[in-house]
Structure formats: C-alpha cells, structure tokens
N, C-alpha and C. Protein backbone atom coordinates (compact mmCIF):
# COMPACT_ATOMS: atom_id res chain seq x y z
N MET A 1 87.70 140.82 97.50
CA MET A 1 87.46 142.31 96.55
C MET A 1 86.99 141.90 95.35
N SER A 2 86.13 142.25 94.50
CA SER A 2 86.61 142.51 93.03
C SER A 2 86.05 143.44 92.29
N THR A 3 86.19 143.39 91.30
CA THR A 3 86.09 144.84 89.43
C THR A 3 85.50 144.75 88.38
N VAL A 4 84.93 144.76 87.74
CA VAL A 4 84.40 144.72 86.95
C VAL A 4 84.62 144.44 85.49
N ILE A 5 84.84 144.52 84.46
CA ILE A 5 84.61 144.00 83.46
C ILE A 5 83.77 144.43 82.50
N SER A 6 84.52 144.94 81.92
CA SER A 6 83.32 145.58 80.20
C SER A 6 83.88 144.72 79.32
N VAL A 7 83.59 143.51 78.05
CA VAL A 7 83.68 143.17 76.83
C VAL A 7 82.37 143.22 75.82
N ARG A 8 82.14 144.02 74.65
CA ARG A 8 81.84 144.48 73.36
C ARG A 8 81.86 142.76 72.99
N VAL A 9 80.04 142.04 72.90
CA VAL A 9 79.93 141.33 71.38
C VAL A 9 79.23 141.89 70.92
N PRO A 10 79.20 141.04 69.78
CA PRO A 10 77.98 141.19 68.88
C PRO A 10 76.02 140.94 69.34
N LYS A 11 75.51 142.44 69.41
CA LYS A 11 74.22 141.84 70.20
C LYS A 11 74.14 140.42 69.88
N TRP A 12 74.45 140.09 68.88
CA TRP A 12 73.66 138.03 68.54
C TRP A 12 73.81 137.23 68.95
N VAL A 13 74.93 137.71 69.85
CA VAL A 13 75.53 136.51 70.56
C VAL A 13 75.48 136.97 71.34
N LYS A 14 74.95 137.51 72.21
CA LYS A 14 74.77 137.76 73.41
C LYS A 14 73.22 137.17 73.25
N GLU A 15 72.26 137.71 72.00
CA GLU A 15 71.26 137.22 72.83
C GLU A 15 71.03 135.72 72.70
N LYS A 16 71.51 135.36 71.85
CA LYS A 16 71.78 134.17 71.69
C LYS A 16 72.33 132.76 73.08
N LEU A 17 73.01 133.15 73.66
CA LEU A 17 73.33 133.48 74.57
C LEU A 17 72.63 133.00 75.78
N ARG A 18 71.66 134.39 75.98
CA ARG A 18 70.50 134.34 77.06
C ARG A 18 69.02 133.38 76.18
N GLU A 19 69.22 133.70 75.56
CA GLU A 19 67.58 132.10 74.87
C GLU A 19 68.56 131.30 75.39
N TYR A 20 69.63 130.38 75.63
CA TYR A 20 70.20 129.40 75.55
C TYR A 20 70.59 129.24 77.16
N GLY A 21 70.55 129.85 77.72
CA GLY A 21 70.78 130.01 79.27
C GLY A 21 71.66 129.91 79.64
N VAL A 22 72.16 130.81 79.28
CA VAL A 22 73.81 130.88 79.07
C VAL A 22 74.21 131.88 80.77
N ASP A 23 74.69 131.88 81.61
CA ASP A 23 75.09 132.77 81.96
C ASP A 23 76.37 133.33 82.11
N ILE A 24 76.64 134.94 80.81
CA ILE A 24 77.47 135.10 80.49
C ILE A 24 78.62 135.48 82.10
N ALA A 25 78.24 136.44 82.75
CA ALA A 25 78.99 136.42 83.96
C ALA A 25 79.38 134.81 84.99
N GLU A 26 79.65 134.08 84.31
CA GLU A 26 79.69 132.87 84.65
C GLU A 26 80.84 132.34 84.25
N VAL A 27 80.53 132.42 82.11
CA VAL A 27 81.61 132.02 82.18
C VAL A 27 82.98 132.75 81.43
N VAL A 28 82.64 133.48 81.50
CA VAL A 28 83.73 134.93 81.43
C VAL A 28 84.81 134.64 82.77
N ARG A 29 84.16 134.38 83.97
CA ARG A 29 84.25 133.87 85.30
C ARG A 29 85.32 133.21 85.09
N LYS A 30 84.56 131.48 84.35
CA LYS A 30 85.59 130.07 84.44
C LYS A 30 86.37 131.08 83.31
N ALA A 31 86.35 131.44 81.84
CA ALA A 31 87.26 131.44 81.12
C ALA A 31 88.58 132.65 81.61
N LEU A 32 88.35 133.40 82.10
CA LEU A 32 89.64 134.26 82.86
C LEU A 32 90.46 133.21 83.59
N LEU A 33 89.33 132.71 85.12
CA LEU A 33 90.23 131.34 85.64
C LEU A 33 91.19 130.81 85.39
N GLU A 34 90.10 129.82 83.59
CA GLU A 34 91.12 128.94 83.32
C GLU A 34 92.43 130.01 82.42
N GLU A 35 92.23 131.37 81.91
CA GLU A 35 93.12 131.60 81.26
C GLU A 35 94.51 131.47 82.24
N LEU A 36 94.09 132.23 83.62
CA LEU A 36 95.20 132.70 84.61
C LEU A 36 96.04 130.87 84.85
N ARG A 37 94.70 130.39 84.99
CA ARG A 37 95.71 128.46 85.34
C ARG A 37 97.29 128.71 84.85
N LYS A 38 96.27 128.11 83.13
CA LYS A 38 97.63 127.94 81.92
C LYS A 38 98.87 129.42 82.06
N LEU A 39 98.31 130.89 82.47
CA LEU A 39 99.27 131.94 81.77
C LEU A 39 100.74 130.78 83.64
N GLU A 40 99.92 130.89 84.49
CA GLU A 40 100.61 130.90 86.09
C GLU A 40 101.91 129.39 85.82
N GLU A 41 101.16 128.04 84.73
CA GLU A 41 101.84 126.84 85.32
C GLU A 41 102.64 127.36 83.68
N ARG A 42 102.31 128.04 82.50
CA ARG A 42 103.67 127.64 82.12
C ARG A 42 105.08 128.59 82.38
N GLU A 43 104.58 129.51 83.63
CA GLU A 43 105.18 130.50 84.23
C GLU A 43 107.10 129.74 85.35
N ILE A 44 105.18 128.83 85.60
CA ILE A 44 106.11 127.36 86.55
C ILE A 44 107.65 127.11 85.73
N ASP A 45 106.29 126.06 84.62
CA ASP A 45 107.03 125.41 83.42
C ASP A 45 108.86 125.94 83.13
N GLU A 46 108.66 127.32 83.03
CA GLU A 46 109.21 128.03 82.74
C GLU A 46 110.86 128.32 83.55
N GLU A 47 110.33 127.89 84.97
CA GLU A 47 111.39 128.42 85.86
C GLU A 47 111.57 127.24 85.95
N LEU A 48 111.11 125.76 85.88
CA LEU A 48 111.54 124.79 86.26
C LEU A 48 113.27 124.68 84.89
N GLU A 49 112.29 124.50 83.84
CA GLU A 49 113.28 124.49 82.72
C GLU A 49 115.04 124.98 83.14
N ARG A 50 114.46 126.61 83.34
CA ARG A 50 115.50 127.66 83.89
C ARG A 50 116.25 126.98 84.40
N ILE A 51 115.68 126.63 85.93
CA ILE A 51 116.08 125.67 87.32
C ILE A 51 117.23 124.53 85.99
N ARG A 52 116.41 123.37 85.85
CA ARG A 52 117.18 122.32 85.15
C ARG A 52 118.55 122.64 84.60
N ARG A 53 118.15 123.52 83.53
CA ARG A 53 119.44 123.89 82.97
C ARG A 53 120.35 124.32 83.42
N LYS A 54 119.88 125.44 84.48
CA LYS A 54 120.99 125.60 85.62
C LYS A 54 121.84 124.76 86.03
N LEU A 55 121.47 123.38 86.93
CA LEU A 55 122.00 122.71 87.46
C LEU A 55 122.27 121.32 86.47
N SER A 56 121.42 121.16 84.98
CA SER A 56 122.25 119.83 84.76
C SER A 56 123.27 119.42 84.70
N GLY A 57 124.08 118.58 84.90
CA GLY A 57 125.41 117.59 85.57
C GLY A 57 125.62 118.02 86.39
N LYS A 58 125.11 119.04 87.15
CA LYS A 58 125.49 118.95 88.76
C LYS A 58 125.27 118.51 89.71
N LEU A 59 124.05 118.40 89.21
CA LEU A 59 123.06 116.64 90.26
C LEU A 59 122.89 115.26 90.12
N ASP A 60 123.61 114.41 90.60
CA ASP A 60 123.24 113.28 90.68
C ASP A 60 121.64 112.61 90.25
N PRO A 61 121.00 112.01 89.68
CA PRO A 61 120.16 111.56 90.22
C PRO A 61 119.40 110.96 90.66
N GLU A 62 120.64 109.47 90.61
CA GLU A 62 120.23 108.50 91.57
C GLU A 62 121.01 108.93 93.00
N GLU A 63 121.91 109.16 93.18
CA GLU A 63 122.10 110.56 94.91
C GLU A 63 121.53 111.19 95.34
N LEU A 64 120.02 112.51 94.39
CA LEU A 64 119.06 113.39 94.24
C LEU A 64 118.33 112.22 95.12
N SER A 65 117.98 110.86 94.55
CA SER A 65 116.95 109.96 94.99
C SER A 65 116.79 109.20 96.15
N ARG A 66 118.66 109.24 96.83
CA ARG A 66 118.59 108.24 97.03
C ARG A 66 118.30 109.64 99.22
N ILE A 67 119.17 111.35 98.41
CA ILE A 67 118.31 111.51 99.54
C ILE A 67 117.05 111.78 100.21
N ILE A 68 116.27 112.21 98.79
CA ILE A 68 114.92 111.91 99.03
C ILE A 68 114.43 110.80 99.54
N ASP A 69 115.27 110.02 99.62
CA ASP A 69 114.06 108.23 99.55
C ASP A 69 114.95 108.56 101.55
N GLU A 70 115.60 109.07 102.14
CA GLU A 70 116.02 108.87 103.41
C GLU A 70 115.41 109.66 104.00
N GLU A 71 115.47 111.19 103.53
CA GLU A 71 114.77 111.90 104.30
C GLU A 71 113.39 112.12 104.18
N ARG A 72 112.66 111.10 103.59
CA ARG A 72 111.37 110.48 103.43
C ARG A 72 111.82 109.58 105.22
N TRP A 73 112.28 108.68 105.21
CA TRP A 73 112.35 107.79 106.15
C TRP A 73 112.35 108.14 107.02
N ALA A 74 113.02 108.93 107.52
CA ALA A 74 113.70 109.58 108.22
C ALA A 74 112.26 111.29 109.47
N ARG A 75 110.85 111.26 108.81
CA ARG A 75 109.95 111.20 109.13
C ARG A 75 109.54 111.04 109.87
C-alpha cells in the first residue's frame, strides 16, 4: 500500500529537472527513505546511549566479553 504526497516547488525547478530527465518521484522517494533511515539510526543511537548510561559501572567489559565468547563457542 502506498500514499500520495504533494510538494510545491518553484516552476523553474520542475522544468529544469525535467530537462535533465530526472525522475522526480524517484528522487523524492529515495530522499524520504534516507531521511527515515537517519531518524531511525538516531533513535537507536539515543536508546543505546541511554542503556549505556544506565548500565555504566554495573558491567565489567572483560566479563561481558568472556560470557559472549563462551556463548559463541557453545553453539
């Protein structure tokens, strides 16, 4: 399922893009998907930072590494 989004740009911009053979819909679609990816990455980074602060001082990195290694070898 998809939806239609309208955007206003100066007429000359549309004309110039058309002259260059630009698929405006594809450019807009890619730009919106890229923006969404960036927003989601930022949200994940913020959540990871929140978790890191919450766990700071509670986990020994060496112990965590050892546990991960043991789990990998157990597979």
